[in-house]
Amino acid sequence: MVKAIIDISEEANRVLNIIKAKYNLQNKSQAINHMTHEYKLELLEPELKPEFIKQMKEIENEKTIRIRNFTSRYNL
């Protein structure tokens, strides 16, 4: 576990207190951990998620098809 001393704004402090109360957390460290976990799930780019890497590897192993004329095949 990493220990850090941080300076946060009053607004950030209020938000941490709300998260702490809403999720019945014991301290602000747990609130920060909860926030970072939610951020990771919702906002990180998909290529950073293990599910995305697995999906891309599966697609990579699929059989390819040859298309002689892309325009006619897809009616463009």
C-alpha atoms as a PDB file:
ATOM      1  CA  MET A   1       0.000   0.000   0.000  1.00  0.00           C
ATOM      2  CA  VAL A   2       1.295   3.434  -0.930  1.00  0.00           C
ATOM      3  CA  LYS A   3       0.886   6.315   1.509  1.00  0.00           C
ATOM      4  CA  ALA A   4       0.454   9.852   0.204  1.00  0.00           C
ATOM      5  CA  ILE A   5      -0.109  13.279   1.658  1.00  0.00           C
ATOM      6  CA  ILE A   6      -2.306  15.275  -0.711  1.00  0.00           C
ATOM      7  CA  ASP A   7      -3.798  18.750  -0.899  1.00  0.00           C
ATOM      8  CA  ILE A   8      -7.395  18.832  -2.134  1.00  0.00           C
ATOM      9  CA  SER A   9      -9.935  21.593  -2.559  1.00  0.00           C
ATOM     10  CA  GLU A  10     -12.892  22.049  -0.225  1.00  0.00           C
ATOM     11  CA  GLU A  11     -15.182  20.797  -2.994  1.00  0.00           C
ATOM     12  CA  ALA A  12     -13.122  17.633  -3.467  1.00  0.00           C
ATOM     13  CA  ASN A  13     -13.203  17.109   0.288  1.00  0.00           C
ATOM     14  CA  ARG A  14     -17.016  17.384   0.282  1.00  0.00           C
ATOM     15  CA  VAL A  15     -17.248  14.914  -2.598  1.00  0.00           C
ATOM     16  CA  LEU A  16     -15.026  12.440  -0.759  1.00  0.00           C
ATOM     17  CA  ASN A  17     -17.195  12.785   2.344  1.00  0.00           C
ATOM     18  CA  ILE A  18     -20.335  12.131   0.284  1.00  0.00           C
ATOM     19  CA  ILE A  19     -18.778   9.036  -1.315  1.00  0.00           C
ATOM     20  CA  LYS A  20     -17.592   7.877   2.090  1.00  0.00           C
ATOM     21  CA  ALA A  21     -21.117   8.182   3.522  1.00  0.00           C
ATOM     22  CA  LYS A  22     -22.924   6.795   0.471  1.00  0.00           C
ATOM     23  CA  TYR A  23     -20.857   3.601   0.306  1.00  0.00           C
ATOM     24  CA  ASN A  24     -20.408   3.267   4.090  1.00  0.00           C
ATOM     25  CA  LEU A  25     -16.627   3.575   3.862  1.00  0.00           C
ATOM     26  CA  GLN A  26     -14.448   4.040   6.918  1.00  0.00           C
ATOM     27  CA  ASN A  27     -12.094   6.736   5.646  1.00  0.00           C
ATOM     28  CA  LYS A  28     -11.202   8.981   2.737  1.00  0.00           C
ATOM     29  CA  SER A  29      -8.542   6.563   1.513  1.00  0.00           C
ATOM     30  CA  GLN A  30     -11.277   4.028   0.840  1.00  0.00           C
ATOM     31  CA  ALA A  31     -13.318   6.758  -0.878  1.00  0.00           C
ATOM     32  CA  ILE A  32     -10.378   7.595  -3.157  1.00  0.00           C
ATOM     33  CA  ASN A  33      -9.861   3.896  -3.925  1.00  0.00           C
ATOM     34  CA  HIS A  34     -13.556   3.575  -4.753  1.00  0.00           C
ATOM     35  CA  MET A  35     -13.400   6.609  -7.048  1.00  0.00           C
ATOM     36  CA  THR A  36     -10.363   5.291  -8.903  1.00  0.00           C
ATOM     37  CA  HIS A  37     -11.995   1.882  -9.332  1.00  0.00           C
ATOM     38  CA  GLU A  38     -15.133   3.491 -10.804  1.00  0.00           C
ATOM     39  CA  TYR A  39     -13.009   5.722 -13.044  1.00  0.00           C
ATOM     40  CA  LYS A  40     -11.140   2.690 -14.328  1.00  0.00           C
ATOM     41  CA  LEU A  41     -14.359   0.860 -15.145  1.00  0.00           C
ATOM     42  CA  GLU A  42     -16.115   3.761 -16.829  1.00  0.00           C
ATOM     43  CA  LEU A  43     -13.572   6.044 -18.402  1.00  0.00           C
ATOM     44  CA  LEU A  44     -10.373   4.254 -19.282  1.00  0.00           C
ATOM     45  CA  GLU A  45      -9.926   3.628 -22.957  1.00  0.00           C
ATOM     46  CA  PRO A  46     -11.085   0.160 -24.002  1.00  0.00           C
ATOM     47  CA  GLU A  47      -7.650  -0.872 -25.249  1.00  0.00           C
ATOM     48  CA  LEU A  48      -6.423  -0.759 -21.657  1.00  0.00           C
ATOM     49  CA  LYS A  49      -9.026  -3.256 -20.456  1.00  0.00           C
ATOM     50  CA  PRO A  50      -8.100  -6.965 -20.401  1.00  0.00           C
ATOM     51  CA  GLU A  51     -11.459  -7.884 -21.991  1.00  0.00           C
ATOM     52  CA  PHE A  52     -10.607  -5.766 -25.024  1.00  0.00           C
ATOM     53  CA  ILE A  53      -7.202  -7.423 -25.420  1.00  0.00           C
ATOM     54  CA  LYS A  54      -8.810 -10.870 -25.208  1.00  0.00           C
ATOM     55  CA  GLN A  55     -11.424  -9.897 -27.797  1.00  0.00           C
ATOM     56  CA  MET A  56      -8.770  -8.586 -30.186  1.00  0.00           C
ATOM     57  CA  LYS A  57      -6.732 -11.790 -29.869  1.00  0.00           C
ATOM     58  CA  GLU A  58      -9.828 -13.842 -30.693  1.00  0.00           C
ATOM     59  CA  ILE A  59     -10.525 -11.700 -33.758  1.00  0.00           C
ATOM     60  CA  GLU A  60      -6.887 -11.987 -34.803  1.00  0.00           C
ATOM     61  CA  ASN A  61      -7.195 -15.790 -34.840  1.00  0.00           C
ATOM     62  CA  GLU A  62     -10.352 -15.822 -36.981  1.00  0.00           C
ATOM     63  CA  LYS A  63     -10.159 -17.032 -40.549  1.00  0.00           C
ATOM     64  CA  THR A  64      -9.919 -14.226 -43.078  1.00  0.00           C
ATOM     65  CA  ILE A  65     -11.914 -13.984 -46.279  1.00  0.00           C
ATOM     66  CA  ARG A  66     -10.789 -12.661 -49.629  1.00  0.00           C
ATOM     67  CA  ILE A  67     -12.806  -9.945 -51.294  1.00  0.00           C
ATOM     68  CA  ARG A  68     -12.065  -9.245 -54.920  1.00  0.00           C
ATOM     69  CA  ASN A  69     -14.343  -6.258 -55.309  1.00  0.00           C
ATOM     70  CA  PHE A  70     -15.214  -4.493 -52.070  1.00  0.00           C
ATOM     71  CA  THR A  71     -17.697  -2.110 -53.701  1.00  0.00           C
ATOM     72  CA  SER A  72     -19.809  -4.804 -55.317  1.00  0.00           C
ATOM     73  CA  ARG A  73     -19.670  -7.130 -52.313  1.00  0.00           C
ATOM     74  CA  TYR A  74     -21.073  -4.477 -49.987  1.00  0.00           C
ATOM     75  CA  ASN A  75     -23.328  -2.794 -52.564  1.00  0.00           C
ATOM     76  CA  LEU A  76     -21.603   0.559 -52.398  1.00  0.00           C
END
